[in-house]
Amino acid sequence: MFPQASWEGTLTTVNSEVDVATRNIRVRATVPNADGRLRAGMFANVELLSPEKRSVLVIPATAVLYAPYGDSVFALEEKRDPAGNPT
């Protein structure tokens, strides 16, 4: 309906679950709609800009050991001796 129009809004909610089939996440944003052109159920292409960058360790779900008293993930770190050889 509005191919050349754009609106700016604020990201208000991020779902913590990633869809395994599409690798998408659900988000909710608040967008001012003073003129009423935006209606419930409309489709949108969204571009999310974030000034914050963080280093994260991404692991597959199969790497998590689920247990009744807490979930675990084992990480291996390669160590090197003073000569630079792996130990």
Protein backbone atom coordinates (compact mmCIF):
# COMPACT_ATOMS: atom_id res chain seq x y z
CA MET A 1 0.00 0.00 0.00
CA PHE A 2 2.85 2.40 0.83
CA PRO A 3 5.93 1.07 -1.01
CA GLN A 4 7.96 4.29 -0.74
CA ALA A 5 6.83 5.31 2.77
CA SER A 6 8.77 4.66 5.95
CA TRP A 7 8.11 5.08 9.64
CA GLU A 8 10.45 5.15 12.61
CA GLY A 9 9.51 3.43 15.83
CA THR A 10 10.90 1.94 19.01
CA LEU A 11 11.59 -1.75 19.60
CA THR A 12 9.63 -2.66 22.72
CA THR A 13 9.79 -6.48 22.98
CA VAL A 14 12.09 -9.23 21.68
CA ASN A 15 11.03 -12.86 21.94
CA SER A 16 13.81 -15.03 23.36
CA GLU A 17 13.00 -17.97 21.08
CA VAL A 18 14.35 -18.35 17.54
CA ASP A 19 12.15 -20.20 15.04
CA VAL A 20 14.15 -23.31 14.10
CA ALA A 21 12.74 -23.49 10.57
CA THR A 22 13.14 -19.86 9.51
CA ARG A 23 15.73 -18.60 12.03
CA ASN A 24 13.50 -15.59 12.61
CA ILE A 25 12.62 -13.97 15.90
CA ARG A 26 9.43 -12.19 16.85
CA VAL A 27 9.70 -8.57 17.87
CA ARG A 28 7.20 -5.89 18.83
CA ALA A 29 7.69 -2.23 18.01
CA THR A 30 5.76 0.91 18.82
CA VAL A 31 5.30 3.18 15.81
CA PRO A 32 3.55 6.57 15.88
CA ASN A 33 0.47 6.46 13.63
CA ALA A 34 -1.01 9.96 13.88
CA ASP A 35 -2.56 9.89 10.39
CA GLY A 36 -4.06 6.40 10.88
CA ARG A 37 -2.58 4.92 7.68
CA LEU A 38 -1.17 1.91 9.52
CA ARG A 39 -3.78 -0.73 10.30
CA ALA A 40 -3.69 -3.88 12.41
CA GLY A 41 -2.62 -6.95 10.44
CA MET A 42 -0.65 -5.09 7.77
CA PHE A 43 2.62 -6.67 6.56
CA ALA A 44 5.86 -4.73 6.92
CA ASN A 45 9.50 -5.09 5.94
CA VAL A 46 11.52 -4.02 8.95
CA GLU A 47 15.10 -2.87 9.30
CA LEU A 48 16.44 -2.84 12.82
CA LEU A 49 19.40 -0.60 13.56
CA SER A 50 21.31 -1.08 16.79
CA PRO A 51 24.34 0.96 17.80
CA GLU A 52 25.37 -1.68 20.32
CA LYS A 53 27.61 -4.53 19.18
CA ARG A 54 28.42 -7.44 21.46
CA SER A 55 30.57 -10.50 21.01
CA VAL A 56 28.52 -13.61 21.65
CA LEU A 57 29.14 -17.33 21.54
CA VAL A 58 26.51 -19.01 19.38
CA ILE A 59 25.93 -22.72 19.92
CA PRO A 60 23.43 -25.20 18.47
CA ALA A 61 20.59 -26.28 20.73
CA THR A 62 21.92 -29.85 20.59
CA ALA A 63 25.05 -28.71 22.47
CA VAL A 64 23.04 -27.89 25.61
CA LEU A 65 22.82 -30.59 28.27
CA TYR A 66 19.41 -30.18 29.90
CA ALA A 67 19.15 -31.32 33.51
CA PRO A 68 16.62 -30.88 36.34
CA TYR A 69 18.96 -28.70 38.43
CA GLY A 70 20.37 -26.54 35.65
CA ASP A 71 21.39 -26.69 32.04
CA SER A 72 25.05 -26.94 31.01
CA VAL A 73 27.28 -26.23 28.05
CA PHE A 74 30.92 -27.30 27.93
CA ALA A 75 33.39 -25.02 26.17
CA LEU A 76 36.93 -26.03 25.25
CA GLU A 77 39.68 -23.46 25.11
CA GLU A 78 42.90 -24.19 23.30
CA LYS A 79 45.95 -23.31 25.39
CA ARG A 80 49.41 -22.70 24.01
CA ASP A 81 52.80 -23.08 25.68
CA PRO A 82 55.36 -20.23 25.63
CA ALA A 83 56.69 -21.53 22.29
CA GLY A 84 53.22 -21.17 20.72
CA ASN A 85 52.51 -24.90 20.45
CA PRO A 86 49.08 -26.22 21.44
CA THR A 87 49.04 -28.03 24.78
